[in-house]
Amino acid sequence: MDSRNVFVCDNGTGYVKCGFAGENFPTSVFPCVVGRPMLRYEESLMEQELKDTIVGAACSELRHQLDISYILILLTMELIDVEGDGMADMVFRCIQEMDIDNCMMLYQHIVLSGWSTMYPGLPSRIDRIWRYIK
């Protein structure tokens, strides 16, 4: 068995689960849902003021009163009006900061799997994402 650790990030319906391959349970689990109020005017529910966009755990609590979507927040943070790098930018920057001898090996071991690989058109979707990120 290879001694290198393989990091696994599963962006499922509503939660991101991260950990290392071979372990029984993820190291971290956090919500990845975005909700927008079904009613489009300002009001408060249960003494909590509704915002235009509600993210994560707060979204889970008000799930029954929100229009929920499971967008690719990890790829493009702008989708929820948050300033910050997406997952692709962070991975690219981390690899670029490594020793030059390790960069090629790291790029060769990135694996895409899951929902995005199950449906037709994966190459065109990846191409569209990369063009958007650049």
N, C-alpha and C. Protein backbone atom coordinates (compact mmCIF):
# COMPACT_ATOMS: atom_id res chain seq x y z
N MET A 1 0.84 -1.20 0.00
CA MET A 1 0.00 0.00 0.00
C MET A 1 0.88 1.24 0.00
N ASP A 2 0.48 2.22 -0.74
CA ASP A 2 1.20 3.49 -0.83
C ASP A 2 1.05 4.27 0.47
N SER A 3 2.13 4.88 0.95
CA SER A 3 2.09 5.58 2.23
C SER A 3 1.62 7.04 2.11
N ARG A 4 1.43 7.54 0.89
CA ARG A 4 0.99 8.93 0.72
C ARG A 4 -0.47 9.07 1.12
N ASN A 5 -0.80 10.17 1.78
CA ASN A 5 -2.19 10.44 2.17
C ASN A 5 -2.95 11.01 0.99
N VAL A 6 -4.15 10.50 0.79
CA VAL A 6 -5.03 11.01 -0.26
C VAL A 6 -6.17 11.75 0.43
N PHE A 7 -6.35 13.01 0.07
CA PHE A 7 -7.39 13.84 0.65
C PHE A 7 -8.65 13.71 -0.19
N VAL A 8 -9.78 13.50 0.46
CA VAL A 8 -11.05 13.32 -0.23
C VAL A 8 -12.00 14.43 0.22
N CYS A 9 -12.64 15.07 -0.75
CA CYS A 9 -13.62 16.12 -0.46
C CYS A 9 -14.90 15.76 -1.21
N ASP A 10 -15.95 15.41 -0.47
CA ASP A 10 -17.22 14.99 -1.06
C ASP A 10 -18.24 16.10 -0.85
N ASN A 11 -18.61 16.78 -1.93
CA ASN A 11 -19.60 17.84 -1.87
C ASN A 11 -20.95 17.23 -2.20
N GLY A 12 -21.63 16.74 -1.17
CA GLY A 12 -22.92 16.08 -1.36
C GLY A 12 -24.06 17.05 -1.24
N THR A 13 -25.27 16.52 -1.19
CA THR A 13 -26.45 17.35 -1.10
C THR A 13 -26.56 17.95 0.29
N GLY A 14 -26.15 19.19 0.41
CA GLY A 14 -26.30 19.90 1.66
C GLY A 14 -25.08 19.95 2.55
N TYR A 15 -24.13 19.05 2.38
CA TYR A 15 -22.94 19.03 3.24
C TYR A 15 -21.69 18.72 2.44
N VAL A 16 -20.56 19.27 2.90
CA VAL A 16 -19.26 18.91 2.37
C VAL A 16 -18.60 18.05 3.43
N LYS A 17 -18.09 16.89 3.01
CA LYS A 17 -17.42 15.99 3.93
C LYS A 17 -15.97 15.84 3.46
N CYS A 18 -15.01 16.15 4.35
CA CYS A 18 -13.60 16.10 3.99
C CYS A 18 -12.86 15.17 4.93
N GLY A 19 -11.91 14.45 4.37
CA GLY A 19 -11.10 13.56 5.19
C GLY A 19 -10.03 12.89 4.35
N PHE A 20 -9.45 11.84 4.88
CA PHE A 20 -8.38 11.13 4.20
C PHE A 20 -8.86 9.75 3.76
N ALA A 21 -8.42 9.32 2.58
CA ALA A 21 -8.80 8.02 2.04
C ALA A 21 -8.38 6.93 3.01
N GLY A 22 -9.22 5.92 3.15
CA GLY A 22 -8.92 4.80 4.03
C GLY A 22 -9.49 4.96 5.43
N GLU A 23 -9.89 6.17 5.80
CA GLU A 23 -10.50 6.37 7.11
C GLU A 23 -12.00 6.13 7.01
N ASN A 24 -12.59 5.67 8.09
CA ASN A 24 -14.01 5.33 8.08
C ASN A 24 -14.94 6.53 8.06
N PHE A 25 -14.50 7.63 8.66
CA PHE A 25 -15.37 8.80 8.77
C PHE A 25 -14.62 10.06 8.35
N PRO A 26 -15.35 11.06 7.85
CA PRO A 26 -14.69 12.31 7.45
C PRO A 26 -14.12 13.05 8.66
N THR A 27 -13.06 13.81 8.42
CA THR A 27 -12.45 14.64 9.46
C THR A 27 -13.31 15.86 9.73
N SER A 28 -13.88 16.44 8.68
CA SER A 28 -14.71 17.65 8.81
C SER A 28 -15.98 17.50 8.00
N VAL A 29 -17.07 18.00 8.54
CA VAL A 29 -18.36 18.03 7.84
C VAL A 29 -18.95 19.41 8.09
N PHE A 30 -19.33 20.09 6.99
CA PHE A 30 -19.94 21.41 7.16
C PHE A 30 -20.99 21.62 6.08
N PRO A 31 -22.03 22.43 6.40
CA PRO A 31 -23.12 22.64 5.45
C PRO A 31 -22.68 23.46 4.24
N CYS A 32 -23.25 23.14 3.10
CA CYS A 32 -22.92 23.89 1.87
C CYS A 32 -24.20 24.21 1.10
N VAL A 33 -25.16 24.75 1.79
CA VAL A 33 -26.41 25.12 1.14
C VAL A 33 -26.58 26.63 1.15
N VAL A 34 -27.32 27.09 0.18
CA VAL A 34 -27.63 28.51 0.08
C VAL A 34 -29.14 28.62 -0.04
N GLY A 35 -29.72 29.52 0.75
CA GLY A 35 -31.16 29.71 0.69
C GLY A 35 -31.51 31.17 0.49
N ARG A 36 -32.57 31.38 -0.21
CA ARG A 36 -33.10 32.73 -0.39
C ARG A 36 -34.55 32.69 0.10
N PRO A 37 -34.98 33.73 0.80
CA PRO A 37 -36.37 33.75 1.29
C PRO A 37 -37.36 33.57 0.16
N MET A 38 -38.40 32.76 0.41
CA MET A 38 -39.44 32.57 -0.61
C MET A 38 -40.22 33.86 -0.80
N LEU A 39 -40.41 34.61 0.27
CA LEU A 39 -41.08 35.91 0.18
C LEU A 39 -40.01 36.95 -0.11
N ARG A 40 -40.19 37.75 -1.10
CA ARG A 40 -39.14 38.65 -1.55
C ARG A 40 -39.19 40.04 -0.90
N TYR A 41 -39.94 40.23 0.13
CA TYR A 41 -39.93 41.52 0.82
C TYR A 41 -39.35 41.32 2.22
N GLU A 42 -38.95 42.44 2.83
CA GLU A 42 -38.31 42.36 4.14
C GLU A 42 -39.32 41.97 5.21
N GLU A 43 -38.94 40.99 6.00
CA GLU A 43 -39.73 40.59 7.15
C GLU A 43 -38.81 39.81 8.07
N SER A 44 -39.29 39.53 9.24
CA SER A 44 -38.48 38.73 10.15
C SER A 44 -39.26 37.48 10.52
N LEU A 45 -38.54 36.40 10.69
CA LEU A 45 -39.14 35.14 11.07
C LEU A 45 -38.50 34.67 12.36
N MET A 46 -39.33 34.30 13.31
CA MET A 46 -38.82 33.78 14.58
C MET A 46 -37.74 34.68 15.16
N GLU A 47 -37.98 35.96 15.13
CA GLU A 47 -37.05 36.96 15.67
C GLU A 47 -35.69 36.94 14.98
N GLN A 48 -35.63 36.39 13.78
CA GLN A 48 -34.39 36.41 13.01
C GLN A 48 -34.66 37.16 11.72
N GLU A 49 -33.92 38.21 11.49
CA GLU A 49 -34.11 38.99 10.28
C GLU A 49 -33.63 38.20 9.07
N LEU A 50 -34.46 38.15 8.04
CA LEU A 50 -34.07 37.45 6.83
C LEU A 50 -33.15 38.31 5.99
N LYS A 51 -32.12 37.70 5.48
CA LYS A 51 -31.19 38.39 4.60
C LYS A 51 -31.53 38.01 3.17
N ASP A 52 -30.87 38.65 2.20
CA ASP A 52 -31.10 38.29 0.80
C ASP A 52 -30.63 36.87 0.52
N THR A 53 -29.52 36.49 1.13
CA THR A 53 -28.95 35.15 0.96
C THR A 53 -28.54 34.62 2.33
N ILE A 54 -28.91 33.39 2.60
CA ILE A 54 -28.54 32.74 3.86
C ILE A 54 -27.71 31.52 3.52
N VAL A 55 -26.57 31.36 4.21
CA VAL A 55 -25.62 30.31 3.87
C VAL A 55 -25.36 29.41 5.07
N GLY A 56 -25.16 28.12 4.79
CA GLY A 56 -24.67 27.18 5.80
C GLY A 56 -25.67 26.80 6.86
N ALA A 57 -25.20 26.76 8.12
CA ALA A 57 -26.02 26.29 9.24
C ALA A 57 -27.29 27.12 9.41
N ALA A 58 -27.19 28.43 9.25
CA ALA A 58 -28.37 29.29 9.37
C ALA A 58 -29.42 28.91 8.34
N CYS A 59 -28.95 28.52 7.16
CA CYS A 59 -29.85 28.09 6.09
C CYS A 59 -30.55 26.79 6.48
N SER A 60 -29.83 25.89 7.11
CA SER A 60 -30.41 24.61 7.53
C SER A 60 -31.53 24.82 8.54
N GLU A 61 -31.35 25.77 9.44
CA GLU A 61 -32.36 26.03 10.48
C GLU A 61 -33.66 26.56 9.89
N LEU A 62 -33.57 27.36 8.83
CA LEU A 62 -34.76 27.97 8.22
C LEU A 62 -35.16 27.28 6.92
N ARG A 63 -34.71 26.06 6.73
CA ARG A 63 -34.87 25.32 5.48
C ARG A 63 -36.31 25.36 4.95
N HIS A 64 -37.31 25.17 5.79
CA HIS A 64 -38.70 25.09 5.35
C HIS A 64 -39.25 26.43 4.84
N GLN A 65 -38.56 27.53 5.09
CA GLN A 65 -39.04 28.84 4.66
C GLN A 65 -38.18 29.46 3.57
N LEU A 66 -37.25 28.67 3.03
CA LEU A 66 -36.31 29.20 2.04
C LEU A 66 -36.39 28.43 0.74
N ASP A 67 -35.99 29.10 -0.31
CA ASP A 67 -35.78 28.46 -1.60
C ASP A 67 -34.33 27.99 -1.57
N ILE A 68 -34.13 26.68 -1.41
CA ILE A 68 -32.79 26.12 -1.19
C ILE A 68 -32.16 25.72 -2.52
N SER A 69 -30.87 26.00 -2.65
CA SER A 69 -30.12 25.50 -3.81
C SER A 69 -28.76 25.02 -3.32
N TYR A 70 -28.23 24.05 -4.03
CA TYR A 70 -26.94 23.47 -3.68
C TYR A 70 -25.95 23.85 -4.77
N ILE A 71 -25.49 25.07 -4.74
CA ILE A 71 -24.62 25.56 -5.79
C ILE A 71 -23.17 25.22 -5.48
N LEU A 72 -22.34 25.41 -6.47
CA LEU A 72 -20.92 25.09 -6.32
C LEU A 72 -20.19 26.23 -5.65
N ILE A 73 -20.50 26.45 -4.39
CA ILE A 73 -19.89 27.55 -3.65
C ILE A 73 -18.38 27.39 -3.62
N LEU A 74 -17.94 26.15 -3.51
CA LEU A 74 -16.50 25.93 -3.40
C LEU A 74 -15.75 26.34 -4.66
N LEU A 75 -16.44 26.38 -5.79
CA LEU A 75 -15.76 26.77 -7.02
C LEU A 75 -15.77 28.28 -7.23
N THR A 76 -16.90 28.90 -6.99
CA THR A 76 -17.01 30.34 -7.25
C THR A 76 -17.76 31.01 -6.11
N MET A 77 -17.03 31.64 -5.24
CA MET A 77 -17.62 32.29 -4.07
C MET A 77 -18.50 33.48 -4.46
N GLU A 78 -18.28 34.07 -5.65
CA GLU A 78 -19.08 35.22 -6.08
C GLU A 78 -20.55 34.87 -6.21
N LEU A 79 -20.87 33.59 -6.38
CA LEU A 79 -22.26 33.20 -6.52
C LEU A 79 -23.09 33.56 -5.29
N ILE A 80 -22.43 33.70 -4.15
CA ILE A 80 -23.15 34.07 -2.93
C ILE A 80 -22.67 35.42 -2.41
N ASP A 81 -22.09 36.22 -3.30
CA ASP A 81 -21.62 37.57 -2.96
C ASP A 81 -20.64 37.59 -1.79
N VAL A 82 -19.72 36.62 -1.80
CA VAL A 82 -18.67 36.56 -0.78
C VAL A 82 -17.34 36.75 -1.47
N GLU A 83 -16.52 37.64 -0.92
CA GLU A 83 -15.20 37.86 -1.50
C GLU A 83 -14.27 36.75 -1.04
N GLY A 84 -13.62 36.11 -1.98
CA GLY A 84 -12.69 35.04 -1.61
C GLY A 84 -12.43 34.14 -2.80
N ASP A 85 -11.39 33.37 -2.68
CA ASP A 85 -11.02 32.44 -3.74
C ASP A 85 -11.88 31.19 -3.67
N GLY A 86 -12.16 30.63 -4.84
CA GLY A 86 -12.84 29.35 -4.90
C GLY A 86 -11.84 28.22 -4.70
N MET A 87 -12.36 27.00 -4.63
CA MET A 87 -11.52 25.83 -4.40
C MET A 87 -10.44 25.68 -5.46
N ALA A 88 -10.78 25.88 -6.73
CA ALA A 88 -9.79 25.72 -7.80
C ALA A 88 -8.63 26.70 -7.63
N ASP A 89 -8.95 27.94 -7.30
CA ASP A 89 -7.90 28.94 -7.10
C ASP A 89 -7.01 28.59 -5.91
N MET A 90 -7.63 28.11 -4.83
CA MET A 90 -6.86 27.77 -3.64
C MET A 90 -5.94 26.57 -3.89
N VAL A 91 -6.46 25.55 -4.59
CA VAL A 91 -5.63 24.38 -4.90
C VAL A 91 -4.48 24.80 -5.81
N PHE A 92 -4.78 25.60 -6.84
CA PHE A 92 -3.73 26.05 -7.75
C PHE A 92 -2.64 26.82 -7.00
N ARG A 93 -3.06 27.75 -6.14
CA ARG A 93 -2.08 28.55 -5.39
C ARG A 93 -1.24 27.67 -4.45
N CYS A 94 -1.88 26.72 -3.78
CA CYS A 94 -1.14 25.82 -2.88
C CYS A 94 -0.10 25.01 -3.64
N ILE A 95 -0.49 24.49 -4.80
CA ILE A 95 0.46 23.69 -5.58
C ILE A 95 1.59 24.57 -6.09
N GLN A 96 1.27 25.77 -6.56
CA GLN A 96 2.31 26.67 -7.07
C GLN A 96 3.31 27.07 -5.99
N GLU A 97 2.89 27.09 -4.73
CA GLU A 97 3.78 27.46 -3.64
C GLU A 97 4.69 26.32 -3.21
N MET A 98 4.46 25.12 -3.72
CA MET A 98 5.30 23.96 -3.37
C MET A 98 6.63 24.03 -4.12
N ASP A 99 7.56 23.18 -3.69
CA ASP A 99 8.82 23.05 -4.42
C ASP A 99 8.52 22.64 -5.85
N ILE A 100 9.28 23.18 -6.78
CA ILE A 100 9.05 22.91 -8.20
C ILE A 100 9.08 21.41 -8.52
N ASP A 101 9.88 20.67 -7.76
CA ASP A 101 9.98 19.22 -8.00
C ASP A 101 8.67 18.50 -7.67
N ASN A 102 7.87 19.05 -6.78
CA ASN A 102 6.62 18.40 -6.37
C ASN A 102 5.41 18.86 -7.18
N CYS A 103 5.50 19.99 -7.85
CA CYS A 103 4.34 20.55 -8.56
C CYS A 103 3.75 19.58 -9.57
N MET A 104 4.56 19.02 -10.44
CA MET A 104 4.06 18.13 -11.49
C MET A 104 3.37 16.91 -10.89
N MET A 105 3.98 16.34 -9.85
CA MET A 105 3.40 15.16 -9.21
C MET A 105 2.03 15.51 -8.61
N LEU A 106 1.91 16.67 -7.99
CA LEU A 106 0.64 17.07 -7.39
C LEU A 106 -0.43 17.30 -8.46
N TYR A 107 -0.06 17.95 -9.56
CA TYR A 107 -1.03 18.17 -10.64
C TYR A 107 -1.49 16.84 -11.25
N GLN A 108 -0.63 15.85 -11.28
CA GLN A 108 -0.98 14.56 -11.87
C GLN A 108 -1.91 13.74 -10.98
N HIS A 109 -2.09 14.14 -9.73
CA HIS A 109 -2.89 13.34 -8.82
C HIS A 109 -4.20 14.01 -8.39
N ILE A 110 -4.67 14.96 -9.17
CA ILE A 110 -5.97 15.56 -8.91
C ILE A 110 -7.02 14.68 -9.58
N VAL A 111 -8.04 14.28 -8.83
CA VAL A 111 -9.07 13.38 -9.35
C VAL A 111 -10.42 14.07 -9.25
N LEU A 112 -11.17 14.06 -10.34
CA LEU A 112 -12.55 14.55 -10.33
C LEU A 112 -13.46 13.34 -10.30
N SER A 113 -14.40 13.32 -9.38
CA SER A 113 -15.35 12.21 -9.34
C SER A 113 -16.65 12.71 -8.75
N GLY A 114 -17.66 11.89 -8.83
CA GLY A 114 -18.94 12.24 -8.22
C GLY A 114 -19.93 12.76 -9.24
N TRP A 115 -20.77 13.69 -8.77
CA TRP A 115 -21.89 14.17 -9.59
C TRP A 115 -21.43 14.66 -10.94
N SER A 116 -20.31 15.35 -10.99
CA SER A 116 -19.88 15.98 -12.24
C SER A 116 -19.42 14.97 -13.27
N THR A 117 -19.00 13.80 -12.82
CA THR A 117 -18.53 12.80 -13.78
C THR A 117 -19.65 11.88 -14.23
N MET A 118 -20.81 11.94 -13.58
CA MET A 118 -21.89 11.01 -13.90
C MET A 118 -22.69 11.44 -15.12
N TYR A 119 -22.67 12.70 -15.44
CA TYR A 119 -23.54 13.21 -16.49
C TYR A 119 -22.76 13.56 -17.75
N PRO A 120 -23.41 13.46 -18.91
CA PRO A 120 -22.74 13.82 -20.16
C PRO A 120 -22.30 15.29 -20.15
N GLY A 121 -21.25 15.59 -20.90
CA GLY A 121 -20.81 16.97 -21.05
C GLY A 121 -19.78 17.42 -20.04
N LEU A 122 -19.14 16.47 -19.34
CA LEU A 122 -18.13 16.85 -18.34
C LEU A 122 -17.03 17.72 -18.94
N PRO A 123 -16.44 17.34 -20.09
CA PRO A 123 -15.36 18.19 -20.63
C PRO A 123 -15.80 19.62 -20.91
N SER A 124 -17.00 19.81 -21.44
CA SER A 124 -17.44 21.18 -21.74
C SER A 124 -17.73 21.96 -20.46
N ARG A 125 -18.25 21.28 -19.42
CA ARG A 125 -18.49 21.96 -18.14
C ARG A 125 -17.17 22.38 -17.50
N ILE A 126 -16.18 21.50 -17.53
CA ILE A 126 -14.87 21.84 -16.96
C ILE A 126 -14.25 23.00 -17.74
N ASP A 127 -14.36 22.96 -19.05
CA ASP A 127 -13.81 24.03 -19.88
C ASP A 127 -14.49 25.36 -19.55
N ARG A 128 -15.81 25.35 -19.39
CA ARG A 128 -16.56 26.56 -19.04
C ARG A 128 -16.12 27.10 -17.67
N ILE A 129 -15.93 26.21 -16.70
CA ILE A 129 -15.49 26.64 -15.36
C ILE A 129 -14.11 27.26 -15.43
N TRP A 130 -13.18 26.61 -16.15
CA TRP A 130 -11.81 27.14 -16.23
C TRP A 130 -11.77 28.48 -16.94
N ARG A 131 -12.59 28.65 -17.98
CA ARG A 131 -12.63 29.95 -18.67
C ARG A 131 -13.19 31.02 -17.74
N TYR A 132 -14.18 30.66 -16.92
CA TYR A 132 -14.77 31.62 -15.98
C TYR A 132 -13.76 32.01 -14.91
N ILE A 133 -12.99 31.05 -14.42
CA ILE A 133 -12.02 31.30 -13.35
C ILE A 133 -10.88 32.18 -13.83
N LYS A 134 -10.43 31.98 -15.07
CA LYS A 134 -9.29 32.74 -15.59
C LYS A 134 -9.61 34.15 -15.71
